[in-house]
């Protein structure tokens, strides 16, 4: 029987993630050869455990906190055991902890409980039928884990190679904090709007949502380009590690945003006009013809 209260759901998911973290750390320490490869295998082992718990609980949304919990834990452990506690390294980890804490709190506020699953997963379950456990594993969980892992690699190498500080690192850190603050502002304004109006057909067109349809996604994209810039400023020879931030950007542009907008168009009044009048990401006024 599924727990119906939010408190029960939080406690169960917290336990799942504590066990997943223990499994990931154990696997990493067991391998500890090529650090990037050991980290990847440990990350996948933790993801596989979360996938099994999602099958037991019959709810793929068990994975949702992974996006915000994984990066702070990984980078904090890398700094603790492999890195050097220099100012740039500490500021990077603190910035990601701030980002992850904000995202986790937003998840807690919006998570209804284990009796309900994200509408996107329900849609995938309906489309895939008996193959949904595999869709859940590879599409809902492994793919995002790999993308976030790729986004983390610049931070991993920056910490492992000793950190460092220059103007570029400072700009990258500002990107991370700016992106996280934009997400925080967007979430707060949206939550306030939903409390003020019970009409789900109404559009949010004030604050940071006035000129951007997805300011929260813009903030998320900005965070990971900031992490990449931190590394690139000190070690330009690792330029190719920007593929993670690029993959993350493509995930939002070609999967997350189209899915969200297709659904919003079905019940939001005047959404077609809103799309024509408002930019997808950049909060810049759009000239109307």
Protein backbone atom coordinates (compact mmCIF):
# COMPACT_ATOMS: atom_id res chain seq x y z
CA UNK A 1 0.00 0.00 0.00
CA UNK A 2 1.39 3.40 -0.97
CA UNK A 3 1.92 6.03 1.75
CA UNK A 4 -0.54 8.84 1.29
CA UNK A 5 0.88 11.52 3.57
CA UNK A 6 3.65 13.84 2.42
CA UNK A 7 5.62 13.26 5.63
CA UNK A 8 5.64 9.50 5.07
CA UNK A 9 6.71 10.05 1.47
CA UNK A 10 9.54 12.39 2.48
CA UNK A 11 10.84 9.94 5.08
CA UNK A 12 10.78 7.01 2.65
CA UNK A 13 12.51 8.98 -0.12
CA UNK A 14 15.09 10.32 2.34
CA UNK A 15 15.90 6.76 3.42
CA UNK A 16 16.20 5.70 -0.23
CA UNK A 17 18.67 8.48 -0.94
CA UNK A 18 20.76 7.84 2.16
CA UNK A 19 21.11 4.20 1.08
CA UNK A 20 21.85 5.26 -2.52
CA UNK A 21 24.60 7.60 -1.30
CA UNK A 22 26.13 4.82 0.82
CA UNK A 23 26.08 2.46 -2.17
CA UNK A 24 27.65 5.10 -4.44
CA UNK A 25 30.45 5.89 -1.98
CA UNK A 26 31.11 2.18 -1.39
CA UNK A 27 31.36 1.48 -5.14
CA UNK A 28 33.65 4.48 -5.68
CA UNK A 29 36.01 3.40 -2.88
CA UNK A 30 35.93 -0.18 -4.15
CA UNK A 31 37.07 0.85 -7.66
CA UNK A 32 39.13 4.02 -7.20
CA UNK A 33 41.20 3.53 -10.37
CA UNK A 34 40.44 6.14 -13.01
CA UNK A 35 38.63 8.65 -10.83
CA UNK A 36 36.25 9.87 -13.54
CA UNK A 37 35.30 6.28 -14.44
CA UNK A 38 34.93 5.22 -10.80
CA UNK A 39 32.71 8.24 -10.21
CA UNK A 40 30.56 7.36 -13.23
CA UNK A 41 30.10 3.73 -12.17
CA UNK A 42 29.30 4.79 -8.59
CA UNK A 43 26.79 7.32 -9.92
CA UNK A 44 25.10 4.68 -12.06
CA UNK A 45 25.04 2.22 -9.14
CA UNK A 46 23.22 4.79 -6.99
CA UNK A 47 20.83 5.49 -9.88
CA UNK A 48 20.13 1.77 -10.31
CA UNK A 49 19.24 1.53 -6.62
CA UNK A 50 16.84 4.48 -6.92
CA UNK A 51 15.31 2.81 -9.98
CA UNK A 52 14.66 -0.38 -7.98
CA UNK A 53 12.99 1.63 -5.21
CA UNK A 54 10.83 3.37 -7.83
CA UNK A 55 9.66 -0.07 -9.02
CA UNK A 56 8.89 -1.19 -5.47
CA UNK A 57 6.98 2.03 -4.75
CA UNK A 58 5.42 2.05 -8.25
CA UNK A 59 6.36 5.70 -8.71
CA UNK A 60 9.08 6.97 -11.08
CA UNK A 61 9.00 10.36 -9.34
CA UNK A 62 11.23 8.83 -6.67
CA UNK A 63 14.06 9.80 -9.03
CA UNK A 64 13.16 13.51 -9.22
CA UNK A 65 15.28 14.68 -6.23
CA UNK A 66 18.35 12.96 -7.73
CA UNK A 67 18.92 15.93 -10.03
CA UNK A 68 19.45 18.28 -7.08
CA UNK A 69 20.96 15.88 -4.51
CA UNK A 70 23.65 14.27 -6.68
CA UNK A 71 25.83 17.32 -7.61
CA UNK A 72 26.34 18.82 -4.11
CA UNK A 73 27.17 15.43 -2.60
CA UNK A 74 29.60 14.49 -5.37
CA UNK A 75 31.44 17.81 -5.47
CA UNK A 76 31.61 18.06 -1.66
CA UNK A 77 33.12 14.56 -1.45
CA UNK A 78 35.55 15.31 -4.28
CA UNK A 79 36.74 18.46 -2.50
CA UNK A 80 37.03 16.59 0.79
CA UNK A 81 39.02 13.61 -0.49
CA UNK A 82 40.64 14.63 -3.79
CA UNK A 83 40.76 18.40 -4.01
CA UNK A 84 42.51 21.28 -2.27
CA UNK A 85 40.54 23.65 0.00
CA UNK A 86 41.39 26.82 -1.94
CA UNK A 87 39.03 29.80 -2.12
CA UNK A 88 37.85 29.02 -5.67
CA UNK A 89 37.19 25.37 -4.83
CA UNK A 90 35.25 26.21 -1.68
CA UNK A 91 33.19 28.87 -3.47
CA UNK A 92 32.33 26.44 -6.28
CA UNK A 93 31.10 23.77 -3.86
CA UNK A 94 29.15 26.31 -1.80
CA UNK A 95 27.53 27.68 -4.97
CA UNK A 96 26.41 24.21 -6.03
CA UNK A 97 25.19 23.45 -2.49
CA UNK A 98 23.10 26.64 -2.65
CA UNK A 99 21.74 25.66 -6.06
CA UNK A 100 20.95 22.10 -4.92
CA UNK A 101 19.33 23.22 -1.67
CA UNK A 102 17.06 25.64 -3.51
CA UNK A 103 16.04 23.00 -6.04
CA UNK A 104 15.44 20.39 -3.33
CA UNK A 105 13.26 22.80 -1.33
CA UNK A 106 11.23 23.59 -4.45
CA UNK A 107 10.77 19.86 -5.04
CA UNK A 108 9.58 19.41 -1.45
CA UNK A 109 7.07 22.24 -1.83
CA UNK A 110 5.61 20.92 -5.07
CA UNK A 111 5.82 17.15 -4.38
CA UNK A 112 2.31 15.87 -3.52
CA UNK A 113 3.43 12.50 -2.15
CA UNK A 114 4.14 8.98 -3.35
CA UNK A 115 0.47 8.43 -4.18
CA UNK A 116 0.96 10.64 -7.26
CA UNK A 117 3.43 10.45 -10.13
CA UNK A 118 4.67 13.21 -12.45
CA UNK A 119 2.25 13.64 -15.39
CA UNK A 120 5.09 13.11 -17.89
CA UNK A 121 5.85 9.70 -16.41
CA UNK A 122 2.16 8.77 -16.50
CA UNK A 123 2.17 9.68 -20.18
CA UNK A 124 5.25 7.54 -20.84
CA UNK A 125 3.74 4.66 -18.87
CA UNK A 126 0.59 4.80 -20.97
CA UNK A 127 2.59 4.87 -24.20
CA UNK A 128 5.12 2.14 -23.31
CA UNK A 129 2.88 -0.30 -21.46
CA UNK A 130 4.73 -3.31 -20.06
CA UNK A 131 8.05 -1.85 -21.22
CA UNK A 132 7.69 1.09 -18.84
CA UNK A 133 10.22 -0.28 -16.27
CA UNK A 134 12.89 -0.09 -19.00
CA UNK A 135 11.69 3.34 -20.13
CA UNK A 136 11.82 4.38 -16.48
CA UNK A 137 15.38 3.07 -16.11
CA UNK A 138 16.96 4.42 -19.28
CA UNK A 139 14.76 7.36 -20.24
CA UNK A 140 13.70 8.83 -16.91
CA UNK A 141 16.71 7.95 -14.76
CA UNK A 142 19.91 6.89 -16.54
CA UNK A 143 19.78 9.57 -19.24
CA UNK A 144 19.45 12.49 -16.77
CA UNK A 145 22.09 10.93 -14.53
CA UNK A 146 24.53 10.81 -17.45
CA UNK A 147 23.73 14.40 -18.45
CA UNK A 148 24.19 15.73 -14.92
CA UNK A 149 27.37 13.67 -14.57
CA UNK A 150 28.70 15.27 -17.76
CA UNK A 151 27.72 18.71 -16.40
CA UNK A 152 29.63 17.89 -13.20
CA UNK A 153 32.86 16.80 -14.89
CA UNK A 154 34.22 20.37 -15.30
CA UNK A 155 33.69 20.94 -11.57
CA UNK A 156 35.21 17.56 -10.77
CA UNK A 157 38.40 18.31 -12.70
CA UNK A 158 38.58 21.87 -11.38
CA UNK A 159 38.56 20.56 -7.81
CA UNK A 160 40.84 17.60 -8.48
CA UNK A 161 43.44 19.78 -10.25
CA UNK A 162 43.65 22.14 -7.31
CA UNK A 163 41.15 24.87 -8.06
CA UNK A 164 42.53 28.33 -8.75
CA UNK A 165 41.11 31.82 -9.02
CA UNK A 166 41.00 34.45 -11.77
CA UNK A 167 38.47 36.77 -13.38
CA UNK A 168 36.99 33.96 -15.48
CA UNK A 169 36.42 31.81 -12.38
CA UNK A 170 34.70 34.75 -10.71
CA UNK A 171 32.42 35.23 -13.73
CA UNK A 172 31.63 31.51 -13.77
CA UNK A 173 30.70 31.60 -10.08
CA UNK A 174 28.46 34.61 -10.75
CA UNK A 175 26.78 32.61 -13.53
CA UNK A 176 26.07 29.79 -11.06
CA UNK A 177 24.71 32.08 -8.35
CA UNK A 178 22.83 34.22 -10.86
CA UNK A 179 21.21 31.17 -12.42
CA UNK A 180 20.24 29.78 -9.02
CA UNK A 181 18.81 33.14 -7.91
CA UNK A 182 16.82 33.40 -11.15
CA UNK A 183 15.34 29.95 -10.48
CA UNK A 184 14.59 30.93 -6.88
CA UNK A 185 12.83 34.11 -8.01
CA UNK A 186 10.88 32.33 -10.76
CA UNK A 187 9.72 29.57 -8.40
CA UNK A 188 8.69 32.03 -5.67
CA UNK A 189 6.73 34.19 -8.09
CA UNK A 190 5.01 31.17 -9.64
CA UNK A 191 4.08 29.71 -6.24
CA UNK A 192 2.69 33.08 -5.13
CA UNK A 193 0.68 33.32 -8.35
CA UNK A 194 -0.80 29.86 -7.85
CA UNK A 195 -1.84 30.73 -4.29
CA UNK A 196 -3.55 33.92 -5.45
CA UNK A 197 -5.53 32.36 -8.29
CA UNK A 198 -7.24 29.00 -8.27
CA UNK A 199 -7.97 29.25 -11.99
CA UNK A 200 -5.47 26.94 -13.70
CA UNK A 201 -6.28 28.44 -17.09
CA UNK A 202 -4.71 31.79 -16.16
CA UNK A 203 -1.19 32.65 -17.38
CA UNK A 204 1.63 34.00 -15.24
CA UNK A 205 2.82 37.15 -17.04
CA UNK A 206 4.46 39.25 -14.33
CA UNK A 207 7.91 39.43 -12.74
CA UNK A 208 10.58 37.34 -14.43
CA UNK A 209 7.81 35.53 -16.33
CA UNK A 210 6.76 38.70 -18.13
CA UNK A 211 9.26 38.43 -20.99
CA UNK A 212 10.38 34.79 -20.60
CA UNK A 213 8.18 31.70 -20.80
CA UNK A 214 10.71 29.55 -18.94
CA UNK A 215 12.97 31.69 -16.69
CA UNK A 216 13.45 28.72 -14.35
CA UNK A 217 14.90 26.64 -17.19
CA UNK A 218 17.10 29.56 -18.22
CA UNK A 219 18.50 29.65 -14.70
CA UNK A 220 19.23 25.90 -14.79
CA UNK A 221 21.02 26.20 -18.11
CA UNK A 222 23.07 29.16 -16.85
CA UNK A 223 24.25 27.28 -13.76
CA UNK A 224 25.99 24.53 -15.72
CA UNK A 225 27.58 26.86 -18.24
CA UNK A 226 28.93 28.67 -15.18
CA UNK A 227 30.53 25.47 -13.86
CA UNK A 228 32.11 24.90 -17.27
CA UNK A 229 33.45 28.47 -17.36
CA UNK A 230 35.08 27.98 -13.95
CA UNK A 231 37.17 25.09 -15.31
CA UNK A 232 37.77 26.63 -18.74
CA UNK A 233 39.22 29.79 -17.18
CA UNK A 234 41.96 27.80 -15.42
CA UNK A 235 42.39 24.79 -17.71
CA UNK A 236 41.38 25.68 -21.30
CA UNK A 237 42.84 22.36 -22.46
CA UNK A 238 39.66 20.73 -21.11
CA UNK A 239 37.44 22.71 -23.48
CA UNK A 240 35.67 19.54 -24.63
CA UNK A 241 34.07 19.10 -21.19
CA UNK A 242 31.56 21.74 -22.24
CA UNK A 243 29.65 18.91 -23.91
CA UNK A 244 27.83 18.31 -20.63
CA UNK A 245 26.45 21.86 -20.45
CA UNK A 246 25.57 21.62 -24.15
CA UNK A 247 23.71 18.32 -23.64
CA UNK A 248 21.84 19.84 -20.71
CA UNK A 249 20.83 22.84 -22.83
CA UNK A 250 19.60 20.53 -25.61
CA UNK A 251 17.60 18.50 -23.05
CA UNK A 252 15.63 21.61 -22.13
CA UNK A 253 15.34 23.01 -25.65
CA UNK A 254 14.25 19.82 -27.40
CA UNK A 255 12.56 17.71 -24.69
CA UNK A 256 11.55 19.49 -21.48
CA UNK A 257 10.27 22.76 -22.97
CA UNK A 258 8.36 21.23 -25.93
CA UNK A 259 6.66 18.71 -23.61
CA UNK A 260 5.71 21.43 -21.13
CA UNK A 261 4.43 23.81 -23.80
CA UNK A 262 2.40 21.12 -25.52
CA UNK A 263 0.62 20.41 -22.25
CA UNK A 264 0.18 24.09 -21.29
CA UNK A 265 -1.40 24.80 -24.67
CA UNK A 266 -4.21 22.36 -23.84
CA UNK A 267 -5.60 24.34 -20.89
CA UNK A 268 -3.97 27.80 -20.62
CA UNK A 269 -6.15 30.60 -22.02
CA UNK A 270 -4.41 32.55 -24.78
CA UNK A 271 -1.28 30.41 -24.74
CA UNK A 272 -0.75 30.69 -28.51
CA UNK A 273 -0.66 34.49 -28.22
CA UNK A 274 1.61 34.23 -25.20
CA UNK A 275 4.09 32.18 -27.22
CA UNK A 276 4.10 34.71 -30.04
CA UNK A 277 4.57 37.65 -27.69
CA UNK A 278 7.14 36.18 -25.29
CA UNK A 279 10.60 34.71 -25.77
CA UNK A 280 11.25 31.12 -24.77
CA UNK A 281 14.19 31.81 -22.46
CA UNK A 282 15.87 35.23 -22.61
CA UNK A 283 13.89 37.81 -20.56
CA UNK A 284 14.09 40.44 -23.30
CA UNK A 285 10.96 42.26 -24.51
CA UNK A 286 9.84 40.96 -27.86
CA UNK A 287 8.81 43.40 -30.56
CA UNK A 288 5.28 42.78 -31.76
CA UNK A 289 4.49 42.96 -35.42
